[in-house]
Amino acid sequence: MTDLDDYDNAFARYSKSMENKTMPLHSWDLFSSYFDKLKASIFDGGQLKLLSKNNNWVDDWDFTAALQKENVIVVTDADLNIVFASQNIIEMTGYSSEEILGKNPKIFQGKETSLLERKAIREAISSHKPFDKRIINYKKNGEAYICQIKGFPIFNSKNELVNFVAFEKAA
């Protein structure tokens, strides 16, 4: 039995001398879910930088902060077809980002979505103005949820409208 005690004591001394702290095995599931979200956030940030570069966006957006605040980011082209959706959209809507590419954001609207709010968003988009609206959207399974949307037009170096970006959060 003393052999195991000696081993335990030696391992404890070794662990204390390490600069990196180890995590107990029972917390791995918590760390793993955090790590998966962090990995998706980094991937999404890279994809958004690439989209920005390819479309010559004039403004430099800080998507990292928005993604870490668990915002869903949706980018459309000038014709309002979805060209990017952050991976965390599945948690809010039930749709994977791949499922909604090429579709119009109207797929999230339904019978209880306010016509006044829809009109205000449509007017902001057609006049190339930012908007901040709270509307009722629908998940893939038909369940309604309240969504806070902050939308912005994005212009290229020739001052042409190339994309719209929306930061969305379930309210």
N, C-alpha and C. Protein backbone atom coordinates (compact mmCIF):
# COMPACT_ATOMS: atom_id res chain seq x y z
N MET A 1 0.82 -1.20 0.00
CA MET A 1 0.00 0.00 0.00
C MET A 1 0.86 1.26 0.00
N THR A 2 2.01 1.21 0.62
CA THR A 2 2.87 2.39 0.66
C THR A 2 3.37 2.75 -0.72
N ASP A 3 3.48 1.75 -1.64
CA ASP A 3 3.91 2.06 -3.00
C ASP A 3 2.92 3.01 -3.67
N LEU A 4 1.63 2.77 -3.48
CA LEU A 4 0.62 3.65 -4.06
C LEU A 4 0.63 5.02 -3.41
N ASP A 5 0.84 5.07 -2.10
CA ASP A 5 0.92 6.36 -1.40
C ASP A 5 2.11 7.17 -1.91
N ASP A 6 3.24 6.50 -2.11
CA ASP A 6 4.42 7.19 -2.64
C ASP A 6 4.14 7.73 -4.04
N TYR A 7 3.49 6.90 -4.84
CA TYR A 7 3.16 7.34 -6.19
C TYR A 7 2.22 8.54 -6.16
N ASP A 8 1.17 8.47 -5.35
CA ASP A 8 0.21 9.57 -5.25
C ASP A 8 0.89 10.86 -4.80
N ASN A 9 1.77 10.76 -3.81
CA ASN A 9 2.49 11.94 -3.31
C ASN A 9 3.42 12.51 -4.39
N ALA A 10 4.11 11.65 -5.11
CA ALA A 10 5.01 12.10 -6.17
C ALA A 10 4.21 12.77 -7.29
N PHE A 11 3.09 12.19 -7.65
CA PHE A 11 2.27 12.77 -8.70
C PHE A 11 1.69 14.12 -8.26
N ALA A 12 1.30 14.22 -7.01
CA ALA A 12 0.78 15.49 -6.49
C ALA A 12 1.85 16.58 -6.55
N ARG A 13 3.09 16.24 -6.16
CA ARG A 13 4.18 17.22 -6.23
C ARG A 13 4.45 17.63 -7.68
N TYR A 14 4.44 16.66 -8.57
CA TYR A 14 4.66 16.93 -9.99
C TYR A 14 3.56 17.85 -10.54
N SER A 15 2.32 17.55 -10.21
CA SER A 15 1.19 18.34 -10.71
C SER A 15 1.26 19.78 -10.22
N LYS A 16 1.66 19.97 -8.98
CA LYS A 16 1.76 21.33 -8.44
C LYS A 16 2.87 22.13 -9.12
N SER A 17 3.90 21.45 -9.60
CA SER A 17 5.02 22.14 -10.22
C SER A 17 4.71 22.53 -11.68
N MET A 18 3.69 21.96 -12.27
CA MET A 18 3.36 22.26 -13.66
C MET A 18 2.71 23.64 -13.77
N GLU A 19 3.02 24.35 -14.86
CA GLU A 19 2.38 25.64 -15.10
C GLU A 19 0.95 25.45 -15.59
N ASN A 20 0.72 24.44 -16.39
CA ASN A 20 -0.62 24.16 -16.89
C ASN A 20 -1.38 23.39 -15.82
N LYS A 21 -2.59 23.80 -15.61
CA LYS A 21 -3.43 23.11 -14.65
C LYS A 21 -4.25 22.06 -15.38
N THR A 22 -4.32 20.90 -14.83
CA THR A 22 -5.10 19.84 -15.44
C THR A 22 -6.54 19.96 -14.97
N MET A 23 -7.43 19.44 -15.78
CA MET A 23 -8.84 19.46 -15.42
C MET A 23 -9.25 18.06 -15.00
N PRO A 24 -10.02 17.97 -13.95
CA PRO A 24 -10.50 16.65 -13.55
C PRO A 24 -11.38 16.05 -14.66
N LEU A 25 -11.34 14.76 -14.77
CA LEU A 25 -12.05 14.07 -15.83
C LEU A 25 -13.55 14.36 -15.81
N HIS A 26 -14.14 14.53 -14.65
CA HIS A 26 -15.58 14.74 -14.58
C HIS A 26 -16.00 16.10 -15.15
N SER A 27 -15.08 17.02 -15.37
CA SER A 27 -15.45 18.32 -15.96
C SER A 27 -15.22 18.34 -17.46
N TRP A 28 -14.74 17.26 -18.04
CA TRP A 28 -14.43 17.25 -19.45
C TRP A 28 -15.67 17.52 -20.30
N ASP A 29 -16.83 17.02 -19.92
CA ASP A 29 -18.03 17.26 -20.72
C ASP A 29 -18.38 18.73 -20.77
N LEU A 30 -18.16 19.47 -19.68
CA LEU A 30 -18.40 20.91 -19.68
C LEU A 30 -17.38 21.62 -20.57
N PHE A 31 -16.13 21.25 -20.44
CA PHE A 31 -15.09 21.87 -21.26
C PHE A 31 -15.29 21.52 -22.72
N SER A 32 -15.69 20.31 -23.00
CA SER A 32 -15.87 19.86 -24.38
C SER A 32 -16.94 20.68 -25.09
N SER A 33 -18.06 20.96 -24.43
CA SER A 33 -19.11 21.76 -25.09
C SER A 33 -18.63 23.19 -25.31
N TYR A 34 -17.89 23.73 -24.35
CA TYR A 34 -17.31 25.07 -24.52
C TYR A 34 -16.31 25.06 -25.68
N PHE A 35 -15.47 24.04 -25.73
CA PHE A 35 -14.47 23.94 -26.80
C PHE A 35 -15.13 23.83 -28.17
N ASP A 36 -16.22 23.06 -28.28
CA ASP A 36 -16.93 22.93 -29.55
C ASP A 36 -17.49 24.28 -30.00
N LYS A 37 -18.06 25.05 -29.06
CA LYS A 37 -18.59 26.36 -29.41
C LYS A 37 -17.47 27.31 -29.81
N LEU A 38 -16.35 27.25 -29.11
CA LEU A 38 -15.21 28.10 -29.44
C LEU A 38 -14.68 27.75 -30.83
N LYS A 39 -14.58 26.47 -31.12
CA LYS A 39 -14.08 26.02 -32.42
C LYS A 39 -15.02 26.49 -33.55
N ALA A 40 -16.33 26.38 -33.34
CA ALA A 40 -17.30 26.84 -34.35
C ALA A 40 -17.21 28.35 -34.52
N SER A 41 -17.02 29.08 -33.43
CA SER A 41 -16.90 30.54 -33.48
C SER A 41 -15.66 30.96 -34.28
N ILE A 42 -14.56 30.28 -34.06
CA ILE A 42 -13.33 30.59 -34.80
C ILE A 42 -13.51 30.27 -36.28
N PHE A 43 -14.12 29.13 -36.59
CA PHE A 43 -14.38 28.77 -37.99
C PHE A 43 -15.27 29.80 -38.66
N ASP A 44 -16.38 30.19 -37.98
CA ASP A 44 -17.29 31.18 -38.53
C ASP A 44 -16.59 32.51 -38.75
N GLY A 45 -15.76 32.92 -37.80
CA GLY A 45 -15.01 34.17 -37.95
C GLY A 45 -14.12 34.15 -39.18
N GLY A 46 -13.47 33.03 -39.44
CA GLY A 46 -12.63 32.88 -40.62
C GLY A 46 -13.44 32.94 -41.91
N GLN A 47 -14.60 32.31 -41.90
CA GLN A 47 -15.47 32.33 -43.09
C GLN A 47 -15.97 33.75 -43.37
N LEU A 48 -16.28 34.48 -42.30
CA LEU A 48 -16.75 35.86 -42.47
C LEU A 48 -15.64 36.77 -42.98
N LYS A 49 -14.41 36.56 -42.51
CA LYS A 49 -13.28 37.33 -43.02
C LYS A 49 -13.07 37.06 -44.51
N LEU A 50 -13.20 35.81 -44.90
CA LEU A 50 -13.06 35.44 -46.31
C LEU A 50 -14.17 36.08 -47.16
N LEU A 51 -15.39 36.05 -46.66
CA LEU A 51 -16.52 36.68 -47.35
C LEU A 51 -16.28 38.18 -47.50
N SER A 52 -15.79 38.79 -46.43
CA SER A 52 -15.48 40.22 -46.44
C SER A 52 -14.42 40.55 -47.49
N LYS A 53 -13.39 39.74 -47.53
CA LYS A 53 -12.29 39.97 -48.48
C LYS A 53 -12.77 39.76 -49.92
N ASN A 54 -13.52 38.69 -50.15
CA ASN A 54 -13.99 38.38 -51.50
C ASN A 54 -14.95 39.43 -52.06
N ASN A 55 -15.69 40.09 -51.16
CA ASN A 55 -16.66 41.09 -51.60
C ASN A 55 -16.18 42.52 -51.40
N ASN A 56 -14.91 42.68 -51.00
CA ASN A 56 -14.31 44.01 -50.82
C ASN A 56 -15.10 44.92 -49.90
N TRP A 57 -15.51 44.39 -48.74
CA TRP A 57 -16.27 45.21 -47.80
C TRP A 57 -15.44 46.40 -47.37
N VAL A 58 -16.09 47.55 -47.30
CA VAL A 58 -15.42 48.78 -46.87
C VAL A 58 -15.19 48.74 -45.35
N ASP A 59 -16.20 48.36 -44.61
CA ASP A 59 -16.10 48.34 -43.15
C ASP A 59 -15.44 47.07 -42.65
N ASP A 60 -14.72 47.20 -41.57
CA ASP A 60 -14.07 46.05 -40.92
C ASP A 60 -14.91 45.68 -39.70
N TRP A 61 -15.61 44.58 -39.78
CA TRP A 61 -16.52 44.17 -38.71
C TRP A 61 -15.80 43.30 -37.70
N ASP A 62 -16.15 43.45 -36.43
CA ASP A 62 -15.60 42.60 -35.38
C ASP A 62 -16.60 41.49 -35.09
N PHE A 63 -16.53 40.44 -35.88
CA PHE A 63 -17.47 39.34 -35.73
C PHE A 63 -17.15 38.46 -34.53
N THR A 64 -15.90 38.45 -34.10
CA THR A 64 -15.49 37.60 -32.99
C THR A 64 -16.28 37.95 -31.73
N ALA A 65 -16.38 39.23 -31.43
CA ALA A 65 -17.11 39.66 -30.23
C ALA A 65 -18.58 39.27 -30.32
N ALA A 66 -19.17 39.46 -31.50
CA ALA A 66 -20.58 39.12 -31.68
C ALA A 66 -20.81 37.62 -31.53
N LEU A 67 -19.92 36.82 -32.09
CA LEU A 67 -20.07 35.37 -32.00
C LEU A 67 -19.88 34.89 -30.57
N GLN A 68 -18.99 35.51 -29.83
CA GLN A 68 -18.76 35.08 -28.45
C GLN A 68 -19.89 35.51 -27.52
N LYS A 69 -20.69 36.47 -27.96
CA LYS A 69 -21.89 36.84 -27.20
C LYS A 69 -23.07 35.97 -27.61
N GLU A 70 -22.77 34.94 -28.37
CA GLU A 70 -23.74 33.95 -28.83
C GLU A 70 -24.79 34.53 -29.76
N ASN A 71 -24.43 35.57 -30.51
CA ASN A 71 -25.30 36.07 -31.57
C ASN A 71 -25.24 35.10 -32.74
N VAL A 72 -26.34 34.98 -33.42
CA VAL A 72 -26.35 34.27 -34.69
C VAL A 72 -26.08 35.33 -35.75
N ILE A 73 -25.20 35.04 -36.68
CA ILE A 73 -24.90 35.99 -37.74
C ILE A 73 -25.38 35.40 -39.07
N VAL A 74 -26.17 36.18 -39.77
CA VAL A 74 -26.68 35.78 -41.08
C VAL A 74 -26.27 36.86 -42.06
N VAL A 75 -25.68 36.45 -43.19
CA VAL A 75 -25.28 37.38 -44.24
C VAL A 75 -26.03 36.98 -45.50
N THR A 76 -26.62 38.00 -46.15
CA THR A 76 -27.29 37.77 -47.43
C THR A 76 -26.54 38.53 -48.52
N ASP A 77 -26.81 38.16 -49.74
CA ASP A 77 -26.30 38.96 -50.85
C ASP A 77 -27.24 40.14 -51.05
N ALA A 78 -27.00 40.97 -52.04
CA ALA A 78 -27.83 42.15 -52.27
C ALA A 78 -29.27 41.79 -52.64
N ASP A 79 -29.49 40.56 -53.14
CA ASP A 79 -30.84 40.10 -53.49
C ASP A 79 -31.52 39.37 -52.33
N LEU A 80 -30.93 39.42 -51.17
CA LEU A 80 -31.44 38.82 -49.93
C LEU A 80 -31.46 37.29 -49.93
N ASN A 81 -30.54 36.68 -50.64
CA ASN A 81 -30.34 35.23 -50.55
C ASN A 81 -29.25 34.99 -49.51
N ILE A 82 -29.48 34.07 -48.61
CA ILE A 82 -28.53 33.80 -47.53
C ILE A 82 -27.26 33.17 -48.11
N VAL A 83 -26.13 33.82 -47.83
CA VAL A 83 -24.84 33.31 -48.30
C VAL A 83 -23.97 32.81 -47.15
N PHE A 84 -24.36 33.15 -45.92
CA PHE A 84 -23.63 32.68 -44.75
C PHE A 84 -24.57 32.69 -43.54
N ALA A 85 -24.44 31.68 -42.72
CA ALA A 85 -25.12 31.64 -41.42
C ALA A 85 -24.17 30.97 -40.44
N SER A 86 -24.00 31.58 -39.28
CA SER A 86 -23.10 31.00 -38.28
C SER A 86 -23.63 29.65 -37.82
N GLN A 87 -22.72 28.80 -37.41
CA GLN A 87 -23.09 27.43 -37.07
C GLN A 87 -24.06 27.34 -35.89
N ASN A 88 -24.07 28.38 -35.04
CA ASN A 88 -24.97 28.33 -33.88
C ASN A 88 -26.42 28.64 -34.24
N ILE A 89 -26.71 28.81 -35.51
CA ILE A 89 -28.10 29.07 -35.92
C ILE A 89 -28.98 27.86 -35.62
N ILE A 90 -28.39 26.69 -35.62
CA ILE A 90 -29.18 25.48 -35.37
C ILE A 90 -29.80 25.49 -33.97
N GLU A 91 -29.10 26.08 -33.01
CA GLU A 91 -29.63 26.15 -31.65
C GLU A 91 -30.85 27.07 -31.56
N MET A 92 -30.85 28.14 -32.36
CA MET A 92 -31.94 29.11 -32.30
C MET A 92 -33.12 28.71 -33.19
N THR A 93 -32.84 28.14 -34.36
CA THR A 93 -33.90 27.91 -35.34
C THR A 93 -34.20 26.45 -35.64
N GLY A 94 -33.26 25.57 -35.34
CA GLY A 94 -33.44 24.17 -35.72
C GLY A 94 -32.90 23.87 -37.11
N TYR A 95 -32.60 24.91 -37.87
CA TYR A 95 -32.01 24.74 -39.21
C TYR A 95 -30.49 24.75 -39.09
N SER A 96 -29.82 23.89 -39.85
CA SER A 96 -28.36 23.99 -39.93
C SER A 96 -28.03 25.09 -40.91
N SER A 97 -26.84 25.61 -40.83
CA SER A 97 -26.45 26.69 -41.74
C SER A 97 -26.51 26.21 -43.19
N GLU A 98 -26.17 24.96 -43.45
CA GLU A 98 -26.20 24.44 -44.82
C GLU A 98 -27.62 24.39 -45.38
N GLU A 99 -28.61 24.14 -44.53
CA GLU A 99 -30.00 24.02 -44.98
C GLU A 99 -30.58 25.33 -45.50
N ILE A 100 -30.08 26.46 -44.99
CA ILE A 100 -30.70 27.73 -45.36
C ILE A 100 -29.91 28.53 -46.39
N LEU A 101 -28.72 28.05 -46.76
CA LEU A 101 -27.94 28.76 -47.78
C LEU A 101 -28.73 28.85 -49.08
N GLY A 102 -28.75 30.04 -49.67
CA GLY A 102 -29.49 30.27 -50.91
C GLY A 102 -30.95 30.62 -50.71
N LYS A 103 -31.43 30.52 -49.48
CA LYS A 103 -32.83 30.83 -49.20
C LYS A 103 -32.96 32.27 -48.70
N ASN A 104 -34.17 32.77 -48.70
CA ASN A 104 -34.48 34.12 -48.23
C ASN A 104 -34.80 34.04 -46.72
N PRO A 105 -34.41 35.05 -45.94
CA PRO A 105 -34.71 35.02 -44.51
C PRO A 105 -36.20 34.95 -44.17
N LYS A 106 -37.07 35.13 -45.14
CA LYS A 106 -38.51 35.01 -44.90
C LYS A 106 -38.90 33.61 -44.44
N ILE A 107 -38.01 32.63 -44.64
CA ILE A 107 -38.33 31.27 -44.21
C ILE A 107 -38.55 31.19 -42.70
N PHE A 108 -38.08 32.20 -41.96
CA PHE A 108 -38.24 32.21 -40.50
C PHE A 108 -39.54 32.90 -40.08
N GLN A 109 -40.24 33.52 -41.01
CA GLN A 109 -41.45 34.27 -40.67
C GLN A 109 -42.69 33.39 -40.80
N GLY A 110 -43.75 33.81 -40.12
CA GLY A 110 -44.98 33.04 -40.14
C GLY A 110 -46.18 33.91 -39.84
N LYS A 111 -47.27 33.27 -39.47
CA LYS A 111 -48.55 33.97 -39.32
C LYS A 111 -48.54 35.03 -38.21
N GLU A 112 -47.75 34.85 -37.17
CA GLU A 112 -47.73 35.83 -36.08
C GLU A 112 -46.62 36.87 -36.22
N THR A 113 -45.86 36.80 -37.28
CA THR A 113 -44.83 37.81 -37.52
C THR A 113 -45.54 39.11 -37.90
N SER A 114 -45.24 40.18 -37.19
CA SER A 114 -45.91 41.46 -37.37
C SER A 114 -45.71 42.02 -38.78
N LEU A 115 -46.83 42.37 -39.42
CA LEU A 115 -46.76 42.97 -40.75
C LEU A 115 -46.10 44.35 -40.68
N LEU A 116 -46.33 45.08 -39.60
CA LEU A 116 -45.71 46.40 -39.45
C LEU A 116 -44.20 46.28 -39.33
N GLU A 117 -43.73 45.33 -38.55
CA GLU A 117 -42.28 45.14 -38.39
C GLU A 117 -41.66 44.65 -39.70
N ARG A 118 -42.35 43.76 -40.39
CA ARG A 118 -41.86 43.27 -41.68
C ARG A 118 -41.74 44.42 -42.67
N LYS A 119 -42.74 45.30 -42.68
CA LYS A 119 -42.72 46.46 -43.58
C LYS A 119 -41.56 47.39 -43.22
N ALA A 120 -41.35 47.63 -41.93
CA ALA A 120 -40.25 48.51 -41.49
C ALA A 120 -38.90 47.94 -41.89
N ILE A 121 -38.74 46.63 -41.76
CA ILE A 121 -37.49 45.98 -42.17
C ILE A 121 -37.31 46.08 -43.68
N ARG A 122 -38.37 45.82 -44.42
CA ARG A 122 -38.33 45.90 -45.89
C ARG A 122 -37.94 47.31 -46.35
N GLU A 123 -38.52 48.33 -45.70
CA GLU A 123 -38.20 49.73 -46.06
C GLU A 123 -36.74 50.06 -45.74
N ALA A 124 -36.25 49.60 -44.59
CA ALA A 124 -34.84 49.84 -44.23
C ALA A 124 -33.92 49.17 -45.25
N ILE A 125 -34.25 47.96 -45.63
CA ILE A 125 -33.42 47.24 -46.60
C ILE A 125 -33.44 47.94 -47.95
N SER A 126 -34.62 48.33 -48.41
CA SER A 126 -34.69 48.97 -49.74
C SER A 126 -34.04 50.35 -49.76
N SER A 127 -33.96 51.02 -48.60
CA SER A 127 -33.28 52.33 -48.56
C SER A 127 -31.84 52.20 -48.06
N HIS A 128 -31.38 50.95 -47.90
CA HIS A 128 -29.99 50.67 -47.49
C HIS A 128 -29.64 51.30 -46.14
N LYS A 129 -30.56 51.18 -45.19
CA LYS A 129 -30.37 51.73 -43.84
C LYS A 129 -30.30 50.58 -42.83
N PRO A 130 -29.58 50.79 -41.73
CA PRO A 130 -29.56 49.79 -40.66
C PRO A 130 -30.93 49.74 -39.97
N PHE A 131 -31.20 48.62 -39.33
CA PHE A 131 -32.44 48.50 -38.56
C PHE A 131 -32.20 47.66 -37.31
N ASP A 132 -33.05 47.84 -36.33
CA ASP A 132 -33.01 47.08 -35.08
C ASP A 132 -34.45 46.76 -34.72
N LYS A 133 -34.86 45.53 -34.91
CA LYS A 133 -36.26 45.15 -34.71
C LYS A 133 -36.36 43.87 -33.90
N ARG A 134 -37.48 43.76 -33.24
CA ARG A 134 -37.82 42.57 -32.47
C ARG A 134 -39.06 41.97 -33.12
N ILE A 135 -38.94 40.75 -33.64
CA ILE A 135 -40.06 40.13 -34.34
C ILE A 135 -40.26 38.70 -33.87
N ILE A 136 -41.40 38.17 -34.22
CA ILE A 136 -41.68 36.76 -33.96
C ILE A 136 -41.24 35.98 -35.19
N ASN A 137 -40.34 35.04 -34.97
CA ASN A 137 -39.87 34.14 -36.02
C ASN A 137 -40.30 32.72 -35.68
N TYR A 138 -40.04 31.81 -36.58
CA TYR A 138 -40.43 30.42 -36.38
C TYR A 138 -39.26 29.48 -36.61
N LYS A 139 -39.19 28.47 -35.75
CA LYS A 139 -38.17 27.44 -35.88
C LYS A 139 -38.58 26.44 -36.95
N LYS A 140 -37.69 25.57 -37.28
CA LYS A 140 -37.93 24.53 -38.28
C LYS A 140 -39.13 23.66 -37.89
N ASN A 141 -39.29 23.42 -36.58
CA ASN A 141 -40.39 22.58 -36.11
C ASN A 141 -41.72 23.35 -35.97
N GLY A 142 -41.73 24.65 -36.35
CA GLY A 142 -42.95 25.44 -36.30
C GLY A 142 -43.14 26.23 -35.02
N GLU A 143 -42.27 26.04 -34.06
CA GLU A 143 -42.38 26.75 -32.79
C GLU A 143 -41.97 28.22 -32.96
N ALA A 144 -42.78 29.12 -32.41
CA ALA A 144 -42.49 30.56 -32.50
C ALA A 144 -41.48 30.97 -31.43
N TYR A 145 -40.68 31.98 -31.74
CA TYR A 145 -39.76 32.56 -30.77
C TYR A 145 -39.57 34.03 -31.11
N ILE A 146 -39.25 34.82 -30.11
CA ILE A 146 -39.01 36.25 -30.33
C ILE A 146 -37.54 36.43 -30.67
N CYS A 147 -37.28 37.18 -31.73
CA CYS A 147 -35.93 37.36 -32.23
C CYS A 147 -35.59 38.85 -32.32
N GLN A 148 -34.49 39.22 -31.71
CA GLN A 148 -33.95 40.58 -31.83
C GLN A 148 -32.98 40.59 -33.01
N ILE A 149 -33.26 41.42 -34.01
CA ILE A 149 -32.43 41.46 -35.22
C ILE A 149 -31.87 42.86 -35.40
N LYS A 150 -30.55 42.91 -35.54
CA LYS A 150 -29.87 44.16 -35.88
C LYS A 150 -29.25 43.94 -37.26
N GLY A 151 -29.78 44.64 -38.25
CA GLY A 151 -29.34 44.45 -39.63
C GLY A 151 -28.61 45.66 -40.17
N PHE A 152 -27.62 45.40 -41.01
CA PHE A 152 -26.80 46.47 -41.58
C PHE A 152 -26.50 46.19 -43.05
N PRO A 153 -26.60 47.23 -43.89
CA PRO A 153 -26.15 47.06 -45.28
C PRO A 153 -24.63 47.09 -45.32
N ILE A 154 -24.05 46.36 -46.26
CA ILE A 154 -22.59 46.34 -46.41
C ILE A 154 -22.26 46.76 -47.84
N PHE A 155 -21.33 47.70 -47.93
CA PHE A 155 -20.93 48.25 -49.22
C PHE A 155 -19.49 47.87 -49.52
N ASN A 156 -19.18 47.82 -50.83
CA ASN A 156 -17.81 47.54 -51.23
C ASN A 156 -17.05 48.85 -51.45
N SER A 157 -15.83 48.75 -51.94
CA SER A 157 -14.99 49.93 -52.12
C SER A 157 -15.52 50.88 -53.20
N LYS A 158 -16.42 50.40 -54.06
CA LYS A 158 -17.03 51.25 -55.08
C LYS A 158 -18.36 51.84 -54.61
N ASN A 159 -18.64 51.67 -53.31
CA ASN A 159 -19.87 52.14 -52.68
C ASN A 159 -21.12 51.44 -53.24
N GLU A 160 -20.94 50.19 -53.69
CA GLU A 160 -22.05 49.37 -54.17
C GLU A 160 -22.51 48.47 -53.03
N LEU A 161 -23.82 48.30 -52.92
CA LEU A 161 -24.37 47.38 -51.93
C LEU A 161 -24.02 45.96 -52.35
N VAL A 162 -23.35 45.21 -51.46
CA VAL A 162 -22.98 43.84 -51.81
C VAL A 162 -23.62 42.81 -50.89
N ASN A 163 -23.82 43.18 -49.64
CA ASN A 163 -24.39 42.22 -48.68
C ASN A 163 -25.20 42.96 -47.62
N PHE A 164 -25.96 42.17 -46.88
CA PHE A 164 -26.57 42.63 -45.64
C PHE A 164 -26.10 41.67 -44.57
N VAL A 165 -25.84 42.19 -43.38
CA VAL A 165 -25.49 41.33 -42.26
C VAL A 165 -26.51 41.55 -41.15
N ALA A 166 -26.92 40.48 -40.53
CA ALA A 166 -27.88 40.55 -39.42
C ALA A 166 -27.28 39.82 -38.22
N PHE A 167 -27.31 40.50 -37.08
CA PHE A 167 -26.93 39.91 -35.80
C PHE A 167 -28.23 39.59 -35.09
N GLU A 168 -28.44 38.32 -34.83
CA GLU A 168 -29.72 37.88 -34.28
C GLU A 168 -29.53 37.16 -32.95
N LYS A 169 -30.52 37.36 -32.08
CA LYS A 169 -30.48 36.72 -30.78
C LYS A 169 -31.92 36.45 -30.34
N ALA A 170 -32.15 35.27 -29.82
CA ALA A 170 -33.47 34.96 -29.30
C ALA A 170 -33.69 35.82 -28.06
N ALA A 171 -34.79 36.55 -28.05
CA ALA A 171 -35.05 37.48 -26.95
C ALA A 171 -35.86 36.83 -25.84
